[in-house]
Amino acid sequence: MNRILITGASGQLGSAVTKLFIGSYDILLTDFVFPKDGKSRFEKMDITDENSVRKTIKKFQPDIILHLAAMTDVDGCELNPQKANDVNVRGTKNLLEHFDGKFVFISTDYVFDGNSGPYSEADTPSPINEYGRSKLLAENIVMDSGNPWLIVRTNVVYDYTENTQASFVKWVVDSLRNDIPILVVNDQWNNPTWTVALASALIEMIEKDFLGVWNYGGAEYIHRLEFAKEIAKVFELNKALISPCRTQELNQPAPRPLKGGLSTKKIKHAGIEPYLLRKSLEEIRKKMTL
């Protein structure tokens, strides 16, 4: 049985991955926050601390590292590029300095400028914000490491659980349930990705020994306003509370790629199908009512 060390285990993707991987692999979860699944081994590990990383890897001796830990707050990265570099770049380098097995790295469509998405694996990255730059630098470290590697780019990852504070779905649902009007941009295009769908794709990619750069995203290429309205429809909430705006009106610290998102032709050709948005949202709602 392969031994997999999973970083960032308490995040929204980490939680989904853990549930699917338990039983199939010998896993060690690492993070600052204890994940509450109650079934897995857990170790606190600071990826920015090389000594912490070295000790954990030596102790567990994984065959595979699934590196989910990252600073994903886009505006936070812009305002504190040193922290973004420490976590996203140096953290990745620390892991690879002390590990010679297969390295699976989760990246983002923000490595592109958003002028001509959806992007394929063959398109040339050109990030326009600190988050995208830090993830691209980390990608290059993975590629140059000498380890067998798999980079999976994704975008707008969502779910609704206690670990999904940053989820667009959670924000829309909570706002509308509390009759709070929201402004949603109608000029940012992506293919939103359910955590469970991505976790399922990851386990299949690991089992089939995928290598190289691969995209995984949802089936529909839509803008955020359309996404918000679909959420309201599935959750039977008042979509009249949703108003459109343009990205520039929000005056956010970090510039956003507008026509982003990822082409999934390559992964579909390999037999892994993206999930439909409506089906994903319905599954989330069903879980919430159980």
C-alpha atoms as a PDB file:
ATOM      1  CA  MET A   1       0.000   0.000   0.000  1.00  0.00           C
ATOM      2  CA  ASN A   2       1.422   3.373  -1.054  1.00  0.00           C
ATOM      3  CA  ARG A   3       2.184   5.833   1.715  1.00  0.00           C
ATOM      4  CA  ILE A   4       0.931   9.343   0.930  1.00  0.00           C
ATOM      5  CA  LEU A   5       1.793  12.453   2.890  1.00  0.00           C
ATOM      6  CA  ILE A   6      -0.902  15.094   2.359  1.00  0.00           C
ATOM      7  CA  THR A   7      -0.078  18.718   3.159  1.00  0.00           C
ATOM      8  CA  GLY A   8      -2.848  21.222   3.858  1.00  0.00           C
ATOM      9  CA  ALA A   9      -5.128  18.435   5.034  1.00  0.00           C
ATOM     10  CA  SER A  10      -7.568  20.657   6.915  1.00  0.00           C
ATOM     11  CA  GLY A  11      -8.453  22.848   3.921  1.00  0.00           C
ATOM     12  CA  GLN A  12     -11.521  22.360   1.746  1.00  0.00           C
ATOM     13  CA  LEU A  13      -9.707  20.225  -0.839  1.00  0.00           C
ATOM     14  CA  GLY A  14      -7.702  18.412   1.840  1.00  0.00           C
ATOM     15  CA  SER A  15     -10.902  17.379   3.602  1.00  0.00           C
ATOM     16  CA  ALA A  16     -12.415  15.991   0.391  1.00  0.00           C
ATOM     17  CA  VAL A  17      -9.210  14.161  -0.541  1.00  0.00           C
ATOM     18  CA  THR A  18      -8.860  12.627   2.923  1.00  0.00           C
ATOM     19  CA  LYS A  19     -12.357  11.126   2.823  1.00  0.00           C
ATOM     20  CA  LEU A  20     -11.663   9.453  -0.524  1.00  0.00           C
ATOM     21  CA  PHE A  21      -8.125   8.289   0.257  1.00  0.00           C
ATOM     22  CA  ILE A  22      -8.836   6.666   3.655  1.00  0.00           C
ATOM     23  CA  GLY A  23      -8.753   2.895   3.227  1.00  0.00           C
ATOM     24  CA  SER A  24      -7.035   2.992  -0.150  1.00  0.00           C
ATOM     25  CA  TYR A  25      -3.703   4.368   1.058  1.00  0.00           C
ATOM     26  CA  ASP A  26      -1.607   4.652   4.172  1.00  0.00           C
ATOM     27  CA  ILE A  27      -1.924   8.409   4.686  1.00  0.00           C
ATOM     28  CA  LEU A  28      -0.376  10.978   6.984  1.00  0.00           C
ATOM     29  CA  LEU A  29      -2.178  14.317   7.189  1.00  0.00           C
ATOM     30  CA  THR A  30      -0.088  17.400   7.896  1.00  0.00           C
ATOM     31  CA  ASP A  31      -1.200  20.940   8.692  1.00  0.00           C
ATOM     32  CA  PHE A  32      -1.423  23.478  11.507  1.00  0.00           C
ATOM     33  CA  VAL A  33      -5.071  22.648  12.208  1.00  0.00           C
ATOM     34  CA  PHE A  34      -6.122  19.187  13.336  1.00  0.00           C
ATOM     35  CA  PRO A  35      -8.552  17.653  10.789  1.00  0.00           C
ATOM     36  CA  LYS A  36     -11.566  16.145  12.524  1.00  0.00           C
ATOM     37  CA  ASP A  37     -12.031  12.965  10.508  1.00  0.00           C
ATOM     38  CA  GLY A  38     -10.933  10.911  13.543  1.00  0.00           C
ATOM     39  CA  LYS A  39      -9.541   8.085  11.412  1.00  0.00           C
ATOM     40  CA  SER A  40      -6.207   9.343  10.116  1.00  0.00           C
ATOM     41  CA  ARG A  41      -2.764   9.906  11.490  1.00  0.00           C
ATOM     42  CA  PHE A  42      -2.020  13.593  11.837  1.00  0.00           C
ATOM     43  CA  GLU A  43       1.193  15.512  12.321  1.00  0.00           C
ATOM     44  CA  LYS A  44       1.730  19.242  12.680  1.00  0.00           C
ATOM     45  CA  MET A  45       4.185  20.343  10.028  1.00  0.00           C
ATOM     46  CA  ASP A  46       5.178  23.847   8.999  1.00  0.00           C
ATOM     47  CA  ILE A  47       6.201  23.695   5.348  1.00  0.00           C
ATOM     48  CA  THR A  48       8.101  26.984   5.714  1.00  0.00           C
ATOM     49  CA  ASP A  49      10.308  25.363   8.378  1.00  0.00           C
ATOM     50  CA  GLU A  50      12.806  23.067   6.669  1.00  0.00           C
ATOM     51  CA  ASN A  51      13.617  21.245   9.900  1.00  0.00           C
ATOM     52  CA  SER A  52       9.923  20.476  10.518  1.00  0.00           C
ATOM     53  CA  VAL A  53       9.607  19.169   6.966  1.00  0.00           C
ATOM     54  CA  ARG A  54      12.741  17.059   7.174  1.00  0.00           C
ATOM     55  CA  LYS A  55      11.672  15.419  10.455  1.00  0.00           C
ATOM     56  CA  THR A  56       8.165  14.599   9.212  1.00  0.00           C
ATOM     57  CA  ILE A  57       9.320  13.118   5.907  1.00  0.00           C
ATOM     58  CA  LYS A  58      12.051  11.068   7.611  1.00  0.00           C
ATOM     59  CA  LYS A  59       9.553   9.754  10.161  1.00  0.00           C
ATOM     60  CA  PHE A  60       6.797   8.778   7.703  1.00  0.00           C
ATOM     61  CA  GLN A  61       8.910   7.929   4.620  1.00  0.00           C
ATOM     62  CA  PRO A  62       6.140   8.540   2.068  1.00  0.00           C
ATOM     63  CA  ASP A  63       6.103   7.162  -1.458  1.00  0.00           C
ATOM     64  CA  ILE A  64       4.032  10.127  -2.649  1.00  0.00           C
ATOM     65  CA  ILE A  65       3.561  13.680  -1.423  1.00  0.00           C
ATOM     66  CA  LEU A  66       0.250  15.329  -2.331  1.00  0.00           C
ATOM     67  CA  HIS A  67       0.999  19.003  -1.782  1.00  0.00           C
ATOM     68  CA  LEU A  68      -2.235  20.912  -1.155  1.00  0.00           C
ATOM     69  CA  ALA A  69      -0.977  23.463   1.392  1.00  0.00           C
ATOM     70  CA  ALA A  70      -0.792  26.974  -0.042  1.00  0.00           C
ATOM     71  CA  MET A  71      -1.513  30.613   0.611  1.00  0.00           C
ATOM     72  CA  THR A  72      -4.547  31.059  -1.661  1.00  0.00           C
ATOM     73  CA  ASP A  73      -5.820  34.447  -0.436  1.00  0.00           C
ATOM     74  CA  VAL A  74      -5.223  36.365  -3.665  1.00  0.00           C
ATOM     75  CA  ASP A  75      -5.374  39.838  -2.131  1.00  0.00           C
ATOM     76  CA  GLY A  76      -3.413  38.651   0.904  1.00  0.00           C
ATOM     77  CA  CYS A  77      -0.628  37.476  -1.424  1.00  0.00           C
ATOM     78  CA  GLU A  78      -0.620  40.845  -3.186  1.00  0.00           C
ATOM     79  CA  LEU A  79      -0.354  42.750   0.097  1.00  0.00           C
ATOM     80  CA  ASN A  80       2.237  40.381   1.576  1.00  0.00           C
ATOM     81  CA  PRO A  81       4.317  38.934  -1.283  1.00  0.00           C
ATOM     82  CA  GLN A  82       7.020  37.777   1.137  1.00  0.00           C
ATOM     83  CA  LYS A  83       4.560  35.521   2.965  1.00  0.00           C
ATOM     84  CA  ALA A  84       3.195  34.247  -0.362  1.00  0.00           C
ATOM     85  CA  ASN A  85       6.745  33.396  -1.407  1.00  0.00           C
ATOM     86  CA  ASP A  86       7.544  31.753   1.934  1.00  0.00           C
ATOM     87  CA  VAL A  87       4.491  29.490   1.839  1.00  0.00           C
ATOM     88  CA  ASN A  88       3.968  28.794  -1.857  1.00  0.00           C
ATOM     89  CA  VAL A  89       7.561  28.794  -3.111  1.00  0.00           C
ATOM     90  CA  ARG A  90       9.879  28.053  -0.191  1.00  0.00           C
ATOM     91  CA  GLY A  91       7.386  25.593   1.290  1.00  0.00           C
ATOM     92  CA  THR A  92       7.382  23.606  -1.944  1.00  0.00           C
ATOM     93  CA  LYS A  93      11.169  23.737  -2.175  1.00  0.00           C
ATOM     94  CA  ASN A  94      11.546  22.511   1.426  1.00  0.00           C
ATOM     95  CA  LEU A  95       9.444  19.434   0.695  1.00  0.00           C
ATOM     96  CA  LEU A  96      11.415  18.564  -2.426  1.00  0.00           C
ATOM     97  CA  GLU A  97      14.780  19.088  -0.711  1.00  0.00           C
ATOM     98  CA  HIS A  98      14.025  16.104   1.550  1.00  0.00           C
ATOM     99  CA  PHE A  99      11.949  13.822  -0.675  1.00  0.00           C
ATOM    100  CA  ASP A 100      12.772  11.792  -3.769  1.00  0.00           C
ATOM    101  CA  GLY A 101       9.429  10.113  -4.520  1.00  0.00           C
ATOM    102  CA  LYS A 102       6.467  11.179  -6.647  1.00  0.00           C
ATOM    103  CA  PHE A 103       5.382  14.759  -6.026  1.00  0.00           C
ATOM    104  CA  VAL A 104       1.821  15.868  -6.803  1.00  0.00           C
ATOM    105  CA  PHE A 105       1.343  19.643  -6.836  1.00  0.00           C
ATOM    106  CA  ILE A 106      -1.938  21.551  -7.077  1.00  0.00           C
ATOM    107  CA  SER A 107      -1.696  24.729  -9.128  1.00  0.00           C
ATOM    108  CA  THR A 108      -4.072  27.280 -10.605  1.00  0.00           C
ATOM    109  CA  ASP A 109      -5.311  29.036 -13.736  1.00  0.00           C
ATOM    110  CA  TYR A 110      -3.931  32.217 -12.121  1.00  0.00           C
ATOM    111  CA  VAL A 111      -0.557  31.335 -13.646  1.00  0.00           C
ATOM    112  CA  PHE A 112      -2.137  32.855 -16.802  1.00  0.00           C
ATOM    113  CA  ASP A 113      -2.990  36.495 -17.543  1.00  0.00           C
ATOM    114  CA  GLY A 114      -6.684  35.910 -18.311  1.00  0.00           C
ATOM    115  CA  ASN A 115      -6.615  37.464 -21.760  1.00  0.00           C
ATOM    116  CA  SER A 116      -7.515  34.364 -23.763  1.00  0.00           C
ATOM    117  CA  GLY A 117      -8.829  31.508 -21.594  1.00  0.00           C
ATOM    118  CA  PRO A 118      -9.764  28.792 -21.168  1.00  0.00           C
ATOM    119  CA  TYR A 119      -6.112  27.731 -21.205  1.00  0.00           C
ATOM    120  CA  SER A 120      -4.619  24.417 -22.250  1.00  0.00           C
ATOM    121  CA  GLU A 121      -1.632  22.696 -20.692  1.00  0.00           C
ATOM    122  CA  ALA A 122       0.483  23.854 -23.641  1.00  0.00           C
ATOM    123  CA  ASP A 123      -0.239  27.584 -23.205  1.00  0.00           C
ATOM    124  CA  THR A 124       2.538  29.808 -21.883  1.00  0.00           C
ATOM    125  CA  PRO A 125       1.970  31.107 -18.323  1.00  0.00           C
ATOM    126  CA  SER A 126       2.051  34.854 -17.699  1.00  0.00           C
ATOM    127  CA  PRO A 127       0.702  35.681 -14.211  1.00  0.00           C
ATOM    128  CA  ILE A 128      -0.529  39.187 -13.384  1.00  0.00           C
ATOM    129  CA  ASN A 129      -0.630  38.969  -9.576  1.00  0.00           C
ATOM    130  CA  GLU A 130       1.566  37.775  -6.712  1.00  0.00           C
ATOM    131  CA  TYR A 131      -0.501  34.645  -6.081  1.00  0.00           C
ATOM    132  CA  GLY A 132      -0.117  33.515  -9.695  1.00  0.00           C
ATOM    133  CA  ARG A 133       3.584  34.375  -9.709  1.00  0.00           C
ATOM    134  CA  SER A 134       4.238  32.392  -6.525  1.00  0.00           C
ATOM    135  CA  LYS A 135       2.396  29.334  -7.865  1.00  0.00           C
ATOM    136  CA  LEU A 136       4.296  29.506 -11.159  1.00  0.00           C
ATOM    137  CA  LEU A 137       7.635  29.727  -9.339  1.00  0.00           C
ATOM    138  CA  ALA A 138       6.600  26.669  -7.318  1.00  0.00           C
ATOM    139  CA  GLU A 139       5.623  24.827 -10.510  1.00  0.00           C
ATOM    140  CA  ASN A 140       9.092  25.479 -11.916  1.00  0.00           C
ATOM    141  CA  ILE A 141      10.725  24.141  -8.740  1.00  0.00           C
ATOM    142  CA  VAL A 142       8.645  20.954  -9.068  1.00  0.00           C
ATOM    143  CA  MET A 143       9.568  20.551 -12.740  1.00  0.00           C
ATOM    144  CA  ASP A 144      13.295  21.062 -12.033  1.00  0.00           C
ATOM    145  CA  SER A 145      13.388  18.827  -8.944  1.00  0.00           C
ATOM    146  CA  GLY A 146      14.431  15.566 -10.567  1.00  0.00           C
ATOM    147  CA  ASN A 147      11.485  13.826  -8.840  1.00  0.00           C
ATOM    148  CA  PRO A 148       8.710  12.154 -10.801  1.00  0.00           C
ATOM    149  CA  TRP A 149       6.019  14.851 -10.729  1.00  0.00           C
ATOM    150  CA  LEU A 150       2.408  15.633 -11.501  1.00  0.00           C
ATOM    151  CA  ILE A 151       1.104  19.217 -11.615  1.00  0.00           C
ATOM    152  CA  VAL A 152      -2.683  19.559 -11.615  1.00  0.00           C
ATOM    153  CA  ARG A 153      -3.999  23.033 -12.430  1.00  0.00           C
ATOM    154  CA  THR A 154      -7.512  23.839 -11.323  1.00  0.00           C
ATOM    155  CA  ASN A 155      -9.727  26.874 -10.684  1.00  0.00           C
ATOM    156  CA  VAL A 156     -12.515  28.280  -8.459  1.00  0.00           C
ATOM    157  CA  VAL A 157     -12.568  25.288  -6.108  1.00  0.00           C
ATOM    158  CA  TYR A 158     -15.803  25.167  -4.102  1.00  0.00           C
ATOM    159  CA  ASP A 159     -17.819  23.187  -1.552  1.00  0.00           C
ATOM    160  CA  TYR A 160     -19.902  23.878   1.556  1.00  0.00           C
ATOM    161  CA  THR A 161     -18.418  22.499   4.778  1.00  0.00           C
ATOM    162  CA  GLU A 162     -16.874  23.892   7.951  1.00  0.00           C
ATOM    163  CA  ASN A 163     -13.538  23.879   6.097  1.00  0.00           C
ATOM    164  CA  THR A 164     -14.741  25.988   3.188  1.00  0.00           C
ATOM    165  CA  GLN A 165     -14.738  29.549   4.499  1.00  0.00           C
ATOM    166  CA  ALA A 166     -13.142  30.759   1.262  1.00  0.00           C
ATOM    167  CA  SER A 167     -15.645  28.956  -0.968  1.00  0.00           C
ATOM    168  CA  PHE A 168     -17.691  31.081  -3.390  1.00  0.00           C
ATOM    169  CA  VAL A 169     -20.638  28.710  -2.877  1.00  0.00           C
ATOM    170  CA  LYS A 170     -20.555  29.137   0.906  1.00  0.00           C
ATOM    171  CA  TRP A 171     -20.392  32.934   0.565  1.00  0.00           C
ATOM    172  CA  VAL A 172     -23.347  33.075  -1.843  1.00  0.00           C
ATOM    173  CA  VAL A 173     -25.505  30.611   0.121  1.00  0.00           C
ATOM    174  CA  ASP A 174     -24.823  32.203   3.515  1.00  0.00           C
ATOM    175  CA  SER A 175     -25.411  35.719   2.174  1.00  0.00           C
ATOM    176  CA  LEU A 176     -28.703  34.903   0.451  1.00  0.00           C
ATOM    177  CA  ARG A 177     -29.987  32.839   3.373  1.00  0.00           C
ATOM    178  CA  ASN A 178     -29.483  35.898   5.568  1.00  0.00           C
ATOM    179  CA  ASP A 179     -31.114  38.234   3.017  1.00  0.00           C
ATOM    180  CA  ILE A 180     -27.833  40.045   2.433  1.00  0.00           C
ATOM    181  CA  PRO A 181     -27.560  41.628  -1.050  1.00  0.00           C
ATOM    182  CA  ILE A 182     -24.352  40.737  -2.893  1.00  0.00           C
ATOM    183  CA  LEU A 183     -22.410  42.182  -5.819  1.00  0.00           C
ATOM    184  CA  VAL A 184     -21.025  39.550  -8.185  1.00  0.00           C
ATOM    185  CA  VAL A 185     -18.731  40.205 -11.128  1.00  0.00           C
ATOM    186  CA  ASN A 186     -19.950  39.378 -14.619  1.00  0.00           C
ATOM    187  CA  ASP A 187     -16.582  39.662 -16.354  1.00  0.00           C
ATOM    188  CA  GLN A 188     -14.550  36.884 -14.698  1.00  0.00           C
ATOM    189  CA  TRP A 189     -14.833  33.582 -16.597  1.00  0.00           C
ATOM    190  CA  ASN A 190     -13.824  30.171 -15.228  1.00  0.00           C
ATOM    191  CA  ASN A 191     -14.978  26.570 -15.001  1.00  0.00           C
ATOM    192  CA  PRO A 192     -15.742  26.161 -11.254  1.00  0.00           C
ATOM    193  CA  THR A 193     -14.550  22.925  -9.671  1.00  0.00           C
ATOM    194  CA  TRP A 194     -16.221  20.927  -6.889  1.00  0.00           C
ATOM    195  CA  THR A 195     -13.726  19.656  -4.294  1.00  0.00           C
ATOM    196  CA  VAL A 196     -15.130  16.107  -4.428  1.00  0.00           C
ATOM    197  CA  ALA A 197     -14.810  16.001  -8.221  1.00  0.00           C
ATOM    198  CA  LEU A 198     -11.209  17.199  -8.026  1.00  0.00           C
ATOM    199  CA  ALA A 199     -10.386  14.744  -5.233  1.00  0.00           C
ATOM    200  CA  SER A 200     -11.876  11.911  -7.287  1.00  0.00           C
ATOM    201  CA  ALA A 201      -9.808  12.966 -10.304  1.00  0.00           C
ATOM    202  CA  LEU A 202      -6.661  13.127  -8.176  1.00  0.00           C
ATOM    203  CA  ILE A 203      -7.071   9.617  -6.829  1.00  0.00           C
ATOM    204  CA  GLU A 204      -7.580   8.290 -10.371  1.00  0.00           C
ATOM    205  CA  MET A 205      -4.544  10.204 -11.656  1.00  0.00           C
ATOM    206  CA  ILE A 206      -2.385   8.838  -8.846  1.00  0.00           C
ATOM    207  CA  GLU A 207      -3.618   5.276  -9.383  1.00  0.00           C
ATOM    208  CA  LYS A 208      -2.976   5.504 -13.140  1.00  0.00           C
ATOM    209  CA  ASP A 209       0.433   7.133 -12.545  1.00  0.00           C
ATOM    210  CA  PHE A 210      -0.215  10.326 -14.499  1.00  0.00           C
ATOM    211  CA  LEU A 211       2.864  12.540 -14.911  1.00  0.00           C
ATOM    212  CA  GLY A 212       3.378  16.046 -16.294  1.00  0.00           C
ATOM    213  CA  VAL A 213       0.991  19.008 -16.358  1.00  0.00           C
ATOM    214  CA  TRP A 214      -2.767  18.365 -16.416  1.00  0.00           C
ATOM    215  CA  ASN A 215      -5.820  20.603 -16.136  1.00  0.00           C
ATOM    216  CA  TYR A 216      -8.919  19.686 -14.183  1.00  0.00           C
ATOM    217  CA  GLY A 217     -12.008  21.903 -13.910  1.00  0.00           C
ATOM    218  CA  GLY A 218     -15.771  21.762 -14.055  1.00  0.00           C
ATOM    219  CA  ALA A 219     -17.727  21.069 -17.234  1.00  0.00           C
ATOM    220  CA  GLU A 220     -19.204  24.566 -17.717  1.00  0.00           C
ATOM    221  CA  TYR A 221     -17.277  27.712 -18.665  1.00  0.00           C
ATOM    222  CA  ILE A 222     -19.233  30.558 -17.067  1.00  0.00           C
ATOM    223  CA  HIS A 223     -18.791  33.951 -15.418  1.00  0.00           C
ATOM    224  CA  ARG A 224     -19.180  34.447 -11.658  1.00  0.00           C
ATOM    225  CA  LEU A 225     -22.610  36.107 -11.894  1.00  0.00           C
ATOM    226  CA  GLU A 226     -23.982  33.126 -13.801  1.00  0.00           C
ATOM    227  CA  PHE A 227     -22.409  30.824 -11.201  1.00  0.00           C
ATOM    228  CA  ALA A 228     -24.052  32.760  -8.351  1.00  0.00           C
ATOM    229  CA  LYS A 229     -27.466  32.591 -10.016  1.00  0.00           C
ATOM    230  CA  GLU A 230     -27.119  28.844 -10.516  1.00  0.00           C
ATOM    231  CA  ILE A 231     -26.289  28.469  -6.821  1.00  0.00           C
ATOM    232  CA  ALA A 232     -29.398  30.491  -5.901  1.00  0.00           C
ATOM    233  CA  LYS A 233     -31.519  28.320  -8.199  1.00  0.00           C
ATOM    234  CA  VAL A 234     -30.316  24.979  -6.812  1.00  0.00           C
ATOM    235  CA  PHE A 235     -30.536  26.127  -3.178  1.00  0.00           C
ATOM    236  CA  GLU A 236     -33.910  27.832  -3.801  1.00  0.00           C
ATOM    237  CA  LEU A 237     -32.705  31.233  -2.629  1.00  0.00           C
ATOM    238  CA  ASN A 238     -33.647  34.744  -3.733  1.00  0.00           C
ATOM    239  CA  LYS A 239     -31.550  35.578  -6.791  1.00  0.00           C
ATOM    240  CA  ALA A 240     -32.983  39.128  -6.783  1.00  0.00           C
ATOM    241  CA  LEU A 241     -30.437  39.797  -4.020  1.00  0.00           C
ATOM    242  CA  ILE A 242     -27.626  39.262  -6.568  1.00  0.00           C
ATOM    243  CA  SER A 243     -26.529  42.339  -8.518  1.00  0.00           C
ATOM    244  CA  PRO A 244     -23.935  42.475 -11.317  1.00  0.00           C
ATOM    245  CA  CYS A 245     -20.751  44.510 -11.248  1.00  0.00           C
ATOM    246  CA  ARG A 246     -17.440  44.734 -13.090  1.00  0.00           C
ATOM    247  CA  THR A 247     -14.184  43.582 -11.525  1.00  0.00           C
ATOM    248  CA  GLN A 248     -12.639  47.054 -11.631  1.00  0.00           C
ATOM    249  CA  GLU A 249     -15.491  48.415  -9.500  1.00  0.00           C
ATOM    250  CA  LEU A 250     -14.347  46.282  -6.543  1.00  0.00           C
ATOM    251  CA  ASN A 251     -10.930  47.998  -6.275  1.00  0.00           C
ATOM    252  CA  GLN A 252      -9.255  44.813  -5.050  1.00  0.00           C
ATOM    253  CA  PRO A 253      -5.510  44.943  -4.281  1.00  0.00           C
ATOM    254  CA  ALA A 254      -4.679  42.115  -6.707  1.00  0.00           C
ATOM    255  CA  PRO A 255      -5.546  42.277 -10.411  1.00  0.00           C
ATOM    256  CA  ARG A 256      -7.716  39.355 -11.527  1.00  0.00           C
ATOM    257  CA  PRO A 257      -7.408  37.386 -14.753  1.00  0.00           C
ATOM    258  CA  LEU A 258     -10.762  37.980 -16.462  1.00  0.00           C
ATOM    259  CA  LYS A 259     -10.981  35.347 -19.164  1.00  0.00           C
ATOM    260  CA  GLY A 260      -9.360  32.576 -17.144  1.00  0.00           C
ATOM    261  CA  GLY A 261     -10.366  28.970 -16.689  1.00  0.00           C
ATOM    262  CA  LEU A 262      -8.897  25.756 -18.052  1.00  0.00           C
ATOM    263  CA  SER A 263      -9.438  23.543 -21.056  1.00  0.00           C
ATOM    264  CA  THR A 264     -10.156  19.958 -19.999  1.00  0.00           C
ATOM    265  CA  LYS A 265      -9.758  18.324 -23.434  1.00  0.00           C
ATOM    266  CA  LYS A 266      -6.564  16.499 -22.477  1.00  0.00           C
ATOM    267  CA  ILE A 267      -7.920  14.936 -19.296  1.00  0.00           C
ATOM    268  CA  LYS A 268     -11.224  13.985 -20.956  1.00  0.00           C
ATOM    269  CA  HIS A 269      -9.251  12.238 -23.680  1.00  0.00           C
ATOM    270  CA  ALA A 270      -7.492  10.292 -20.876  1.00  0.00           C
ATOM    271  CA  GLY A 271     -10.896   9.110 -19.590  1.00  0.00           C
ATOM    272  CA  ILE A 272     -11.541  11.485 -16.679  1.00  0.00           C
ATOM    273  CA  GLU A 273     -14.765  13.461 -17.098  1.00  0.00           C
ATOM    274  CA  PRO A 274     -15.417  16.858 -15.474  1.00  0.00           C
ATOM    275  CA  TYR A 275     -18.524  17.078 -13.284  1.00  0.00           C
ATOM    276  CA  LEU A 276     -21.555  19.118 -14.324  1.00  0.00           C
ATOM    277  CA  LEU A 277     -22.165  22.221 -12.205  1.00  0.00           C
ATOM    278  CA  ARG A 278     -25.856  21.530 -11.545  1.00  0.00           C
ATOM    279  CA  LYS A 279     -25.135  17.944 -10.456  1.00  0.00           C
ATOM    280  CA  SER A 280     -22.312  19.102  -8.162  1.00  0.00           C
ATOM    281  CA  LEU A 281     -24.446  21.771  -6.493  1.00  0.00           C
ATOM    282  CA  GLU A 282     -27.329  19.333  -6.050  1.00  0.00           C
ATOM    283  CA  GLU A 283     -24.985  16.843  -4.373  1.00  0.00           C
ATOM    284  CA  ILE A 284     -23.728  19.558  -2.010  1.00  0.00           C
ATOM    285  CA  ARG A 285     -27.279  20.532  -1.071  1.00  0.00           C
ATOM    286  CA  LYS A 286     -28.236  16.889  -0.543  1.00  0.00           C
ATOM    287  CA  LYS A 287     -25.292  16.382   1.852  1.00  0.00           C
ATOM    288  CA  MET A 288     -26.291  19.489   3.800  1.00  0.00           C
ATOM    289  CA  THR A 289     -29.795  18.147   4.436  1.00  0.00           C
ATOM    290  CA  LEU A 290     -28.740  14.684   5.595  1.00  0.00           C
END
